[in-house]
N, C-alpha and C. Protein backbone atom coordinates (compact mmCIF):
# COMPACT_ATOMS: atom_id res chain seq x y z
N MET A 1 -202.45 21.91 -140.37
CA MET A 1 -201.28 21.36 -141.01
C MET A 1 -200.97 19.98 -140.45
N ALA A 2 -200.46 19.16 -141.32
CA ALA A 2 -200.14 17.79 -140.92
C ALA A 2 -198.80 17.76 -140.18
N GLU A 3 -198.74 16.88 -139.22
CA GLU A 3 -197.50 16.68 -138.47
C GLU A 3 -196.67 15.62 -139.18
N VAL A 4 -195.38 15.87 -139.26
CA VAL A 4 -194.45 14.89 -139.83
C VAL A 4 -193.29 14.74 -138.85
N THR A 5 -192.58 13.66 -139.01
CA THR A 5 -191.41 13.46 -138.15
C THR A 5 -190.38 14.54 -138.44
N ASN A 6 -189.89 15.15 -137.40
CA ASN A 6 -188.88 16.20 -137.52
C ASN A 6 -187.58 15.56 -138.01
N PRO A 7 -187.07 15.99 -139.18
CA PRO A 7 -185.84 15.37 -139.70
C PRO A 7 -184.64 15.55 -138.76
N LEU A 8 -184.58 16.66 -138.06
CA LEU A 8 -183.48 16.86 -137.11
C LEU A 8 -183.57 15.85 -135.97
N TYR A 9 -184.78 15.63 -135.48
CA TYR A 9 -184.98 14.65 -134.40
C TYR A 9 -184.55 13.26 -134.88
N SER A 10 -184.95 12.90 -136.09
CA SER A 10 -184.57 11.59 -136.64
C SER A 10 -183.06 11.46 -136.75
N HIS A 11 -182.43 12.50 -137.27
CA HIS A 11 -180.97 12.49 -137.42
C HIS A 11 -180.29 12.35 -136.06
N LEU A 12 -180.75 13.11 -135.08
CA LEU A 12 -180.14 13.08 -133.75
C LEU A 12 -180.30 11.72 -133.08
N THR A 13 -181.46 11.09 -133.23
CA THR A 13 -181.66 9.78 -132.61
C THR A 13 -180.81 8.71 -133.30
N GLN A 14 -180.65 8.84 -134.63
CA GLN A 14 -179.76 7.91 -135.34
C GLN A 14 -178.31 8.10 -134.89
N LEU A 15 -177.93 9.36 -134.74
CA LEU A 15 -176.58 9.67 -134.27
C LEU A 15 -176.36 9.12 -132.86
N LEU A 16 -177.36 9.23 -132.01
CA LEU A 16 -177.25 8.71 -130.65
C LEU A 16 -177.02 7.19 -130.67
N THR A 17 -177.69 6.49 -131.55
CA THR A 17 -177.49 5.05 -131.68
C THR A 17 -176.04 4.75 -132.05
N ARG A 18 -175.49 5.52 -132.99
CA ARG A 18 -174.10 5.32 -133.40
C ARG A 18 -173.14 5.66 -132.27
N VAL A 19 -173.42 6.73 -131.54
CA VAL A 19 -172.57 7.12 -130.41
C VAL A 19 -172.57 6.02 -129.35
N HIS A 20 -173.74 5.44 -129.07
CA HIS A 20 -173.81 4.36 -128.08
C HIS A 20 -172.98 3.16 -128.50
N LYS A 21 -172.97 2.84 -129.80
CA LYS A 21 -172.14 1.72 -130.28
C LYS A 21 -170.66 2.02 -130.06
N VAL A 22 -170.26 3.25 -130.36
CA VAL A 22 -168.86 3.64 -130.16
C VAL A 22 -168.52 3.62 -128.67
N GLN A 23 -169.43 4.11 -127.84
CA GLN A 23 -169.20 4.08 -126.39
C GLN A 23 -168.97 2.64 -125.92
N ASP A 24 -169.79 1.72 -126.40
CA ASP A 24 -169.65 0.32 -126.00
C ASP A 24 -168.27 -0.22 -126.39
N GLU A 25 -167.78 0.17 -127.58
CA GLU A 25 -166.46 -0.29 -128.02
C GLU A 25 -165.35 0.35 -127.18
N LEU A 26 -165.46 1.64 -126.93
CA LEU A 26 -164.41 2.36 -126.21
C LEU A 26 -164.33 1.97 -124.74
N ARG A 27 -165.47 1.64 -124.17
CA ARG A 27 -165.55 1.37 -122.73
C ARG A 27 -164.64 0.21 -122.31
N THR A 28 -164.33 -0.69 -123.21
CA THR A 28 -163.53 -1.87 -122.85
C THR A 28 -162.07 -1.79 -123.29
N LYS A 29 -161.67 -0.68 -123.90
CA LYS A 29 -160.33 -0.58 -124.47
C LYS A 29 -159.20 -0.75 -123.46
N LEU A 30 -159.40 -0.33 -122.24
CA LEU A 30 -158.33 -0.44 -121.24
C LEU A 30 -158.52 -1.62 -120.29
N ASP A 31 -159.53 -2.43 -120.53
CA ASP A 31 -159.78 -3.57 -119.63
C ASP A 31 -158.63 -4.57 -119.63
N ASN A 32 -158.21 -5.03 -120.81
CA ASN A 32 -157.14 -6.03 -120.87
C ASN A 32 -155.81 -5.51 -120.34
N PRO A 33 -155.37 -4.32 -120.75
CA PRO A 33 -154.11 -3.82 -120.17
C PRO A 33 -154.18 -3.70 -118.65
N THR A 34 -155.30 -3.23 -118.13
CA THR A 34 -155.45 -3.09 -116.68
C THR A 34 -155.43 -4.46 -116.00
N LYS A 35 -156.14 -5.41 -116.59
CA LYS A 35 -156.18 -6.77 -116.03
C LYS A 35 -154.81 -7.42 -116.08
N ASN A 36 -154.10 -7.23 -117.19
CA ASN A 36 -152.77 -7.81 -117.32
C ASN A 36 -151.79 -7.23 -116.31
N MET A 37 -151.86 -5.93 -116.10
CA MET A 37 -150.99 -5.30 -115.09
C MET A 37 -151.33 -5.80 -113.69
N ALA A 38 -152.60 -5.90 -113.39
CA ALA A 38 -153.03 -6.34 -112.05
C ALA A 38 -152.64 -7.79 -111.80
N GLY A 39 -152.61 -8.60 -112.86
CA GLY A 39 -152.29 -10.01 -112.72
C GLY A 39 -150.81 -10.28 -112.51
N GLY A 40 -149.98 -9.28 -112.73
CA GLY A 40 -148.54 -9.45 -112.52
C GLY A 40 -147.83 -10.20 -113.63
N GLY A 41 -148.50 -10.49 -114.70
CA GLY A 41 -147.87 -11.23 -115.79
C GLY A 41 -147.10 -10.36 -116.76
N VAL A 42 -147.25 -9.06 -116.65
CA VAL A 42 -146.60 -8.15 -117.59
C VAL A 42 -145.32 -7.58 -117.00
N TRP A 43 -145.40 -7.20 -115.73
CA TRP A 43 -144.29 -6.48 -115.10
C TRP A 43 -144.47 -6.65 -113.60
N THR A 44 -143.45 -7.07 -112.92
CA THR A 44 -143.55 -7.26 -111.47
C THR A 44 -142.45 -6.48 -110.76
N SER A 45 -142.86 -5.59 -109.92
CA SER A 45 -141.96 -4.82 -109.06
C SER A 45 -142.84 -3.84 -108.29
N PRO A 46 -142.30 -3.21 -107.26
CA PRO A 46 -143.09 -2.19 -106.56
C PRO A 46 -143.51 -1.05 -107.51
N THR A 47 -142.62 -0.70 -108.42
CA THR A 47 -142.96 0.34 -109.40
C THR A 47 -144.11 -0.12 -110.29
N ALA A 48 -144.09 -1.39 -110.67
CA ALA A 48 -145.16 -1.93 -111.50
C ALA A 48 -146.50 -1.87 -110.78
N GLN A 49 -146.49 -2.15 -109.49
CA GLN A 49 -147.74 -2.08 -108.72
C GLN A 49 -148.27 -0.65 -108.69
N GLN A 50 -147.37 0.32 -108.50
CA GLN A 50 -147.80 1.72 -108.50
C GLN A 50 -148.33 2.12 -109.87
N TRP A 51 -147.61 1.73 -110.90
CA TRP A 51 -148.02 2.06 -112.26
C TRP A 51 -149.36 1.40 -112.58
N GLY A 52 -149.52 0.15 -112.16
CA GLY A 52 -150.79 -0.55 -112.38
C GLY A 52 -151.94 0.14 -111.67
N GLY A 53 -151.69 0.64 -110.47
CA GLY A 53 -152.73 1.39 -109.76
C GLY A 53 -153.11 2.66 -110.49
N ARG A 54 -152.10 3.34 -111.05
CA ARG A 54 -152.39 4.55 -111.82
C ARG A 54 -153.15 4.21 -113.09
N LEU A 55 -152.78 3.10 -113.72
CA LEU A 55 -153.49 2.68 -114.93
C LEU A 55 -154.95 2.41 -114.62
N SER A 56 -155.20 1.77 -113.50
CA SER A 56 -156.57 1.49 -113.08
C SER A 56 -157.34 2.79 -112.85
N ASP A 57 -156.70 3.76 -112.19
CA ASP A 57 -157.34 5.06 -111.98
C ASP A 57 -157.64 5.75 -113.31
N GLN A 58 -156.67 5.70 -114.22
CA GLN A 58 -156.87 6.33 -115.52
C GLN A 58 -157.97 5.63 -116.31
N ARG A 59 -158.05 4.31 -116.18
CA ARG A 59 -159.12 3.56 -116.84
C ARG A 59 -160.48 4.03 -116.34
N ASN A 60 -160.60 4.23 -115.04
CA ASN A 60 -161.87 4.70 -114.47
C ASN A 60 -162.22 6.10 -114.98
N LYS A 61 -161.23 6.98 -115.05
CA LYS A 61 -161.47 8.33 -115.57
C LYS A 61 -161.85 8.29 -117.05
N TYR A 62 -161.14 7.46 -117.80
CA TYR A 62 -161.41 7.29 -119.23
C TYR A 62 -162.84 6.80 -119.44
N ASN A 63 -163.24 5.77 -118.70
CA ASN A 63 -164.60 5.23 -118.85
C ASN A 63 -165.65 6.25 -118.44
N SER A 64 -165.37 7.07 -117.44
CA SER A 64 -166.31 8.13 -117.06
C SER A 64 -166.47 9.13 -118.19
N ALA A 65 -165.36 9.48 -118.84
CA ALA A 65 -165.42 10.41 -119.96
C ALA A 65 -166.18 9.79 -121.13
N VAL A 66 -165.94 8.52 -121.40
CA VAL A 66 -166.67 7.83 -122.47
C VAL A 66 -168.17 7.84 -122.18
N ASP A 67 -168.53 7.60 -120.92
CA ASP A 67 -169.94 7.60 -120.55
C ASP A 67 -170.60 8.95 -120.76
N ARG A 68 -169.82 10.03 -120.70
CA ARG A 68 -170.37 11.38 -120.87
C ARG A 68 -170.42 11.84 -122.32
N LEU A 69 -169.90 11.04 -123.25
CA LEU A 69 -169.86 11.45 -124.65
C LEU A 69 -171.23 11.80 -125.21
N ASP A 70 -172.26 11.16 -124.72
CA ASP A 70 -173.59 11.38 -125.29
C ASP A 70 -174.42 12.40 -124.53
N ASP A 71 -173.89 12.99 -123.47
CA ASP A 71 -174.68 13.90 -122.64
C ASP A 71 -175.28 15.07 -123.42
N GLU A 72 -174.46 15.75 -124.20
CA GLU A 72 -174.94 16.91 -124.95
C GLU A 72 -175.96 16.49 -126.01
N LEU A 73 -175.72 15.37 -126.64
CA LEU A 73 -176.64 14.87 -127.66
C LEU A 73 -177.99 14.51 -127.05
N VAL A 74 -177.98 13.85 -125.89
CA VAL A 74 -179.23 13.51 -125.20
C VAL A 74 -179.99 14.78 -124.83
N ALA A 75 -179.27 15.79 -124.37
CA ALA A 75 -179.92 17.06 -124.02
C ALA A 75 -180.51 17.73 -125.26
N MET A 76 -179.80 17.66 -126.37
CA MET A 76 -180.30 18.26 -127.61
C MET A 76 -181.55 17.54 -128.09
N ILE A 77 -181.56 16.21 -127.98
CA ILE A 77 -182.75 15.45 -128.38
C ILE A 77 -183.93 15.83 -127.50
N ALA A 78 -183.69 16.02 -126.22
CA ALA A 78 -184.77 16.40 -125.30
C ALA A 78 -185.37 17.76 -125.66
N ARG A 79 -184.56 18.65 -126.24
CA ARG A 79 -185.05 19.97 -126.62
C ARG A 79 -185.67 20.01 -128.02
N THR A 80 -185.49 18.95 -128.79
CA THR A 80 -185.94 18.92 -130.17
C THR A 80 -187.30 18.23 -130.27
N PRO A 81 -188.28 18.91 -130.87
CA PRO A 81 -189.59 18.27 -131.02
C PRO A 81 -189.51 17.05 -131.95
N GLU A 82 -190.22 16.01 -131.58
CA GLU A 82 -190.20 14.79 -132.38
C GLU A 82 -190.91 14.99 -133.71
N ASN A 83 -191.94 15.81 -133.71
CA ASN A 83 -192.71 16.08 -134.93
C ASN A 83 -192.68 17.56 -135.23
N SER A 84 -192.92 17.87 -136.50
CA SER A 84 -193.00 19.27 -136.91
C SER A 84 -194.10 19.42 -137.95
N SER A 85 -194.54 20.64 -138.13
CA SER A 85 -195.57 20.92 -139.13
C SER A 85 -194.94 20.94 -140.51
N ARG A 86 -195.73 20.57 -141.48
CA ARG A 86 -195.26 20.59 -142.86
C ARG A 86 -195.10 21.97 -143.36
């Protein structure tokens, strides 16, 4: 039997490309607010410094979660044969 590209594999790799584009967009969403808070141009006070520190921590957690968005998809691609029999 002839080997053909597995349609599921093709779909998953296309989906991964789209997920990576979304990850790239999401990864920067909190950069400007965090930078603005750290620069002191938005709000200045001891409370603002604490809040800015928390925002920075949340930005790091958010970016870590964004980075993990593709984990299951990458694992699924690894388990899916690239080719299949007709």
